[in-house]
Structure formats: structure tokens, C-alpha cells
Amino acid sequence: VAALQDEKTSLMSENEIMNDRLEQLDDSLDDPNTAVAKKYFHAQLQLEQLQEENFRLEAAKDDYRVHCEDLEKQLIELQHRNNELTSLAEESR
């Protein structure tokens, strides 16, 4: 029991230390002049820019997919038309 109480006390102490460090980090993020806050805001800005770029690229990919499907349909139609014209040319000969 004494060993468990010592371990509990030790863990509670460690928990307090960790909570204090967490509060310090939170406070440093609130102050825009600290290096940590600057890096955090810069990373956040980069993330937003990358998300916008990703959205733009996804939209472009969808546009290209539709365009590609249209071109494939046109190709199939032109191949059929070519076959028809080839057979008509052979009949004419």
C-alpha cells in the first residue's frame, strides 16, 4: 500500500508538472511575439494555403476527368465513322 501511495504521489506530481508545461505552451501560443507562436501561426497559414491548393487541384482533376471522358466518346464516334467511311470506300471501288 505504501509503495502504491508513493507511486500515486509521484504520478500526481508529474501530472502537475505536465499541466504547468501545457499551460506555459498555451500561454506562449497566445503571445504572438514568441517564436513558438510565430512558428505555429506560420504552420497554420501554410496548412490553409495547402488546403486551398488541394481543393483547387481536386477541382481541376475533376474538370480534366470530364474532358477526358468527352474526348473518349468523340474518339469512339470518330472510329465508328472512320469504319463506315472505309467500308463505303471499299464498296465504291
N, C-alpha and C. Protein backbone atom coordinates (compact mmCIF):
# COMPACT_ATOMS: atom_id res chain seq x y z
N VAL A 1 0.84 -1.20 0.00
CA VAL A 1 0.00 0.00 0.00
C VAL A 1 0.88 1.25 0.00
N ALA A 2 1.93 1.23 0.81
CA ALA A 2 2.82 2.39 0.89
C ALA A 2 3.49 2.64 -0.46
N ALA A 3 3.88 1.57 -1.14
CA ALA A 3 4.52 1.71 -2.46
C ALA A 3 3.55 2.31 -3.46
N LEU A 4 2.29 1.86 -3.41
CA LEU A 4 1.28 2.40 -4.32
C LEU A 4 0.99 3.87 -4.01
N GLN A 5 0.99 4.22 -2.73
CA GLN A 5 0.76 5.62 -2.36
C GLN A 5 1.93 6.49 -2.84
N ASP A 6 3.15 5.97 -2.72
CA ASP A 6 4.31 6.71 -3.22
C ASP A 6 4.23 6.89 -4.73
N GLU A 7 3.83 5.83 -5.42
CA GLU A 7 3.71 5.91 -6.88
C GLU A 7 2.62 6.90 -7.26
N LYS A 8 1.50 6.87 -6.52
CA LYS A 8 0.41 7.79 -6.78
C LYS A 8 0.87 9.24 -6.59
N THR A 9 1.59 9.47 -5.51
CA THR A 9 2.11 10.81 -5.23
C THR A 9 3.06 11.26 -6.33
N SER A 10 3.91 10.35 -6.75
CA SER A 10 4.86 10.65 -7.82
C SER A 10 4.13 10.98 -9.12
N LEU A 11 3.13 10.19 -9.45
CA LEU A 11 2.36 10.42 -10.67
C LEU A 11 1.57 11.73 -10.61
N MET A 12 1.04 12.04 -9.45
CA MET A 12 0.31 13.29 -9.30
C MET A 12 1.26 14.48 -9.46
N SER A 13 2.46 14.35 -8.93
CA SER A 13 3.46 15.40 -9.06
C SER A 13 3.85 15.57 -10.53
N GLU A 14 4.08 14.46 -11.19
CA GLU A 14 4.43 14.51 -12.62
C GLU A 14 3.29 15.11 -13.44
N ASN A 15 2.06 14.76 -13.08
CA ASN A 15 0.88 15.30 -13.76
C ASN A 15 0.82 16.82 -13.59
N GLU A 16 1.10 17.32 -12.41
CA GLU A 16 1.10 18.77 -12.18
C GLU A 16 2.17 19.45 -13.02
N ILE A 17 3.35 18.84 -13.08
CA ILE A 17 4.43 19.40 -13.88
C ILE A 17 4.02 19.47 -15.35
N MET A 18 3.43 18.40 -15.83
CA MET A 18 3.00 18.36 -17.23
C MET A 18 1.90 19.40 -17.50
N ASN A 19 0.97 19.54 -16.57
CA ASN A 19 -0.08 20.55 -16.73
C ASN A 19 0.50 21.96 -16.74
N ASP A 20 1.50 22.21 -15.89
CA ASP A 20 2.17 23.52 -15.89
C ASP A 20 2.85 23.78 -17.24
N ARG A 21 3.53 22.77 -17.76
CA ARG A 21 4.19 22.93 -19.06
C ARG A 21 3.18 23.18 -20.16
N LEU A 22 2.05 22.49 -20.08
CA LEU A 22 0.99 22.68 -21.07
C LEU A 22 0.44 24.09 -21.01
N GLU A 23 0.24 24.60 -19.81
CA GLU A 23 -0.24 25.98 -19.65
C GLU A 23 0.78 26.97 -20.20
N GLN A 24 2.07 26.71 -19.97
CA GLN A 24 3.10 27.60 -20.49
C GLN A 24 3.08 27.61 -22.02
N LEU A 25 2.90 26.42 -22.61
CA LEU A 25 2.84 26.36 -24.06
C LEU A 25 1.60 27.08 -24.58
N ASP A 26 0.47 26.89 -23.91
CA ASP A 26 -0.74 27.60 -24.31
C ASP A 26 -0.54 29.11 -24.22
N ASP A 27 0.10 29.54 -23.13
CA ASP A 27 0.36 30.98 -22.95
C ASP A 27 1.30 31.50 -24.04
N SER A 28 2.29 30.69 -24.40
CA SER A 28 3.24 31.14 -25.42
C SER A 28 2.57 31.22 -26.79
N LEU A 29 1.55 30.39 -27.03
CA LEU A 29 0.82 30.48 -28.29
C LEU A 29 -0.06 31.72 -28.33
N ASP A 30 -0.54 32.15 -27.18
CA ASP A 30 -1.39 33.34 -27.13
C ASP A 30 -0.60 34.61 -27.38
N ASP A 31 0.69 34.61 -27.04
CA ASP A 31 1.54 35.78 -27.25
C ASP A 31 2.14 35.69 -28.65
N PRO A 32 1.70 36.56 -29.58
CA PRO A 32 2.15 36.43 -30.97
C PRO A 32 3.63 36.78 -31.18
N ASN A 33 4.32 37.26 -30.15
CA ASN A 33 5.72 37.64 -30.31
C ASN A 33 6.69 36.50 -30.02
N THR A 34 6.21 35.39 -29.47
CA THR A 34 7.12 34.29 -29.16
C THR A 34 7.42 33.49 -30.41
N ALA A 35 8.57 32.84 -30.40
CA ALA A 35 9.00 32.05 -31.56
C ALA A 35 8.04 30.88 -31.80
N VAL A 36 7.58 30.27 -30.71
CA VAL A 36 6.66 29.15 -30.84
C VAL A 36 5.37 29.60 -31.51
N ALA A 37 4.85 30.74 -31.09
CA ALA A 37 3.60 31.25 -31.66
C ALA A 37 3.79 31.60 -33.13
N LYS A 38 4.93 32.20 -33.45
CA LYS A 38 5.20 32.56 -34.85
C LYS A 38 5.26 31.31 -35.72
N LYS A 39 5.95 30.27 -35.22
CA LYS A 39 6.04 29.03 -35.98
C LYS A 39 4.66 28.38 -36.11
N TYR A 40 3.88 28.43 -35.03
CA TYR A 40 2.54 27.85 -35.06
C TYR A 40 1.66 28.56 -36.08
N PHE A 41 1.66 29.89 -36.04
CA PHE A 41 0.82 30.64 -36.97
C PHE A 41 1.31 30.47 -38.41
N HIS A 42 2.62 30.39 -38.59
CA HIS A 42 3.17 30.17 -39.93
C HIS A 42 2.74 28.79 -40.44
N ALA A 43 2.83 27.79 -39.58
CA ALA A 43 2.42 26.44 -39.97
C ALA A 43 0.92 26.40 -40.26
N GLN A 44 0.15 27.12 -39.47
CA GLN A 44 -1.29 27.17 -39.69
C GLN A 44 -1.61 27.84 -41.03
N LEU A 45 -0.89 28.90 -41.35
CA LEU A 45 -1.08 29.59 -42.63
C LEU A 45 -0.70 28.68 -43.79
N GLN A 46 0.40 27.98 -43.64
CA GLN A 46 0.81 27.04 -44.69
C GLN A 46 -0.23 25.94 -44.88
N LEU A 47 -0.78 25.45 -43.78
CA LEU A 47 -1.80 24.42 -43.86
C LEU A 47 -3.01 24.93 -44.63
N GLU A 48 -3.46 26.14 -44.32
CA GLU A 48 -4.60 26.70 -45.03
C GLU A 48 -4.31 26.88 -46.52
N GLN A 49 -3.10 27.34 -46.84
CA GLN A 49 -2.73 27.51 -48.24
C GLN A 49 -2.69 26.17 -48.96
N LEU A 50 -2.15 25.16 -48.31
CA LEU A 50 -2.10 23.84 -48.92
C LEU A 50 -3.48 23.24 -49.09
N GLN A 51 -4.38 23.50 -48.14
CA GLN A 51 -5.75 23.01 -48.28
C GLN A 51 -6.44 23.68 -49.46
N GLU A 52 -6.22 24.99 -49.63
CA GLU A 52 -6.80 25.69 -50.77
C GLU A 52 -6.22 25.16 -52.08
N GLU A 53 -4.92 24.94 -52.11
CA GLU A 53 -4.27 24.40 -53.31
C GLU A 53 -4.80 23.01 -53.61
N ASN A 54 -4.97 22.20 -52.59
CA ASN A 54 -5.50 20.85 -52.76
C ASN A 54 -6.92 20.91 -53.33
N PHE A 55 -7.75 21.81 -52.81
CA PHE A 55 -9.11 21.96 -53.30
C PHE A 55 -9.09 22.37 -54.77
N ARG A 56 -8.21 23.33 -55.12
CA ARG A 56 -8.10 23.79 -56.50
C ARG A 56 -7.67 22.65 -57.42
N LEU A 57 -6.69 21.86 -56.98
CA LEU A 57 -6.21 20.74 -57.79
C LEU A 57 -7.26 19.64 -57.94
N GLU A 58 -8.02 19.39 -56.89
CA GLU A 58 -9.09 18.40 -56.97
C GLU A 58 -10.14 18.84 -57.99
N ALA A 59 -10.48 20.14 -57.98
CA ALA A 59 -11.45 20.66 -58.94
C ALA A 59 -10.91 20.54 -60.36
N ALA A 60 -9.64 20.87 -60.55
CA ALA A 60 -9.02 20.75 -61.87
C ALA A 60 -9.00 19.29 -62.33
N LYS A 61 -8.71 18.39 -61.40
CA LYS A 61 -8.70 16.96 -61.73
C LYS A 61 -10.07 16.50 -62.20
N ASP A 62 -11.12 16.96 -61.51
CA ASP A 62 -12.48 16.60 -61.92
C ASP A 62 -12.79 17.16 -63.30
N ASP A 63 -12.38 18.40 -63.56
CA ASP A 63 -12.60 19.00 -64.87
C ASP A 63 -11.89 18.20 -65.97
N TYR A 64 -10.64 17.81 -65.70
CA TYR A 64 -9.89 17.03 -66.69
C TYR A 64 -10.51 15.66 -66.89
N ARG A 65 -11.04 15.07 -65.85
CA ARG A 65 -11.68 13.76 -65.97
C ARG A 65 -12.88 13.86 -66.91
N VAL A 66 -13.71 14.88 -66.72
CA VAL A 66 -14.88 15.08 -67.57
C VAL A 66 -14.43 15.31 -69.01
N HIS A 67 -13.41 16.15 -69.17
CA HIS A 67 -12.90 16.44 -70.52
C HIS A 67 -12.37 15.17 -71.18
N CYS A 68 -11.67 14.36 -70.41
CA CYS A 68 -11.13 13.10 -70.93
C CYS A 68 -12.26 12.17 -71.36
N GLU A 69 -13.31 12.09 -70.56
CA GLU A 69 -14.46 11.24 -70.91
C GLU A 69 -15.10 11.72 -72.21
N ASP A 70 -15.22 13.04 -72.38
CA ASP A 70 -15.77 13.59 -73.61
C ASP A 70 -14.89 13.23 -74.81
N LEU A 71 -13.58 13.36 -74.64
CA LEU A 71 -12.66 13.02 -75.72
C LEU A 71 -12.73 11.53 -76.08
N GLU A 72 -12.88 10.69 -75.07
CA GLU A 72 -13.00 9.25 -75.34
C GLU A 72 -14.27 8.95 -76.12
N LYS A 73 -15.38 9.63 -75.79
CA LYS A 73 -16.63 9.45 -76.55
C LYS A 73 -16.44 9.90 -77.99
N GLN A 74 -15.78 11.05 -78.16
CA GLN A 74 -15.53 11.55 -79.51
C GLN A 74 -14.66 10.57 -80.30
N LEU A 75 -13.67 10.00 -79.64
CA LEU A 75 -12.78 9.04 -80.28
C LEU A 75 -13.57 7.83 -80.77
N ILE A 76 -14.44 7.31 -79.92
CA ILE A 76 -15.24 6.15 -80.30
C ILE A 76 -16.14 6.50 -81.49
N GLU A 77 -16.78 7.67 -81.44
CA GLU A 77 -17.64 8.09 -82.56
C GLU A 77 -16.84 8.24 -83.84
N LEU A 78 -15.64 8.83 -83.76
CA LEU A 78 -14.80 9.01 -84.95
C LEU A 78 -14.30 7.67 -85.49
N GLN A 79 -14.03 6.73 -84.60
CA GLN A 79 -13.61 5.40 -85.06
C GLN A 79 -14.74 4.71 -85.82
N HIS A 80 -15.97 4.84 -85.28
CA HIS A 80 -17.13 4.25 -85.97
C HIS A 80 -17.33 4.92 -87.32
N ARG A 81 -17.23 6.23 -87.33
CA ARG A 81 -17.40 6.98 -88.59
C ARG A 81 -16.31 6.59 -89.59
N ASN A 82 -15.09 6.42 -89.11
CA ASN A 82 -13.99 6.00 -89.98
C ASN A 82 -14.26 4.62 -90.56
N ASN A 83 -14.75 3.71 -89.72
CA ASN A 83 -15.08 2.37 -90.21
C ASN A 83 -16.17 2.43 -91.27
N GLU A 84 -17.18 3.26 -91.03
CA GLU A 84 -18.26 3.40 -92.02
C GLU A 84 -17.73 3.93 -93.34
N LEU A 85 -16.91 4.98 -93.24
CA LEU A 85 -16.37 5.58 -94.46
C LEU A 85 -15.43 4.62 -95.18
N THR A 86 -14.67 3.83 -94.43
CA THR A 86 -13.77 2.85 -95.03
C THR A 86 -14.58 1.79 -95.80
N SER A 87 -15.65 1.33 -95.17
CA SER A 87 -16.47 0.32 -95.85
C SER A 87 -17.17 0.92 -97.07
N LEU A 88 -17.59 2.17 -97.00
CA LEU A 88 -18.20 2.81 -98.17
C LEU A 88 -17.17 2.99 -99.29
N ALA A 89 -15.94 3.33 -98.91
CA ALA A 89 -14.89 3.48 -99.91
C ALA A 89 -14.60 2.16 -100.59
N GLU A 90 -14.60 1.06 -99.81
CA GLU A 90 -14.36 -0.25 -100.41
C GLU A 90 -15.50 -0.64 -101.34
N GLU A 91 -16.72 -0.30 -100.97
CA GLU A 91 -17.87 -0.61 -101.83
C GLU A 91 -17.78 0.19 -103.13
N SER A 92 -17.33 1.41 -103.02
CA SER A 92 -17.22 2.25 -104.22
C SER A 92 -16.17 1.69 -105.18
N ARG A 93 -15.11 1.13 -104.64
CA ARG A 93 -14.07 0.57 -105.50
C ARG A 93 -14.62 -0.63 -106.25
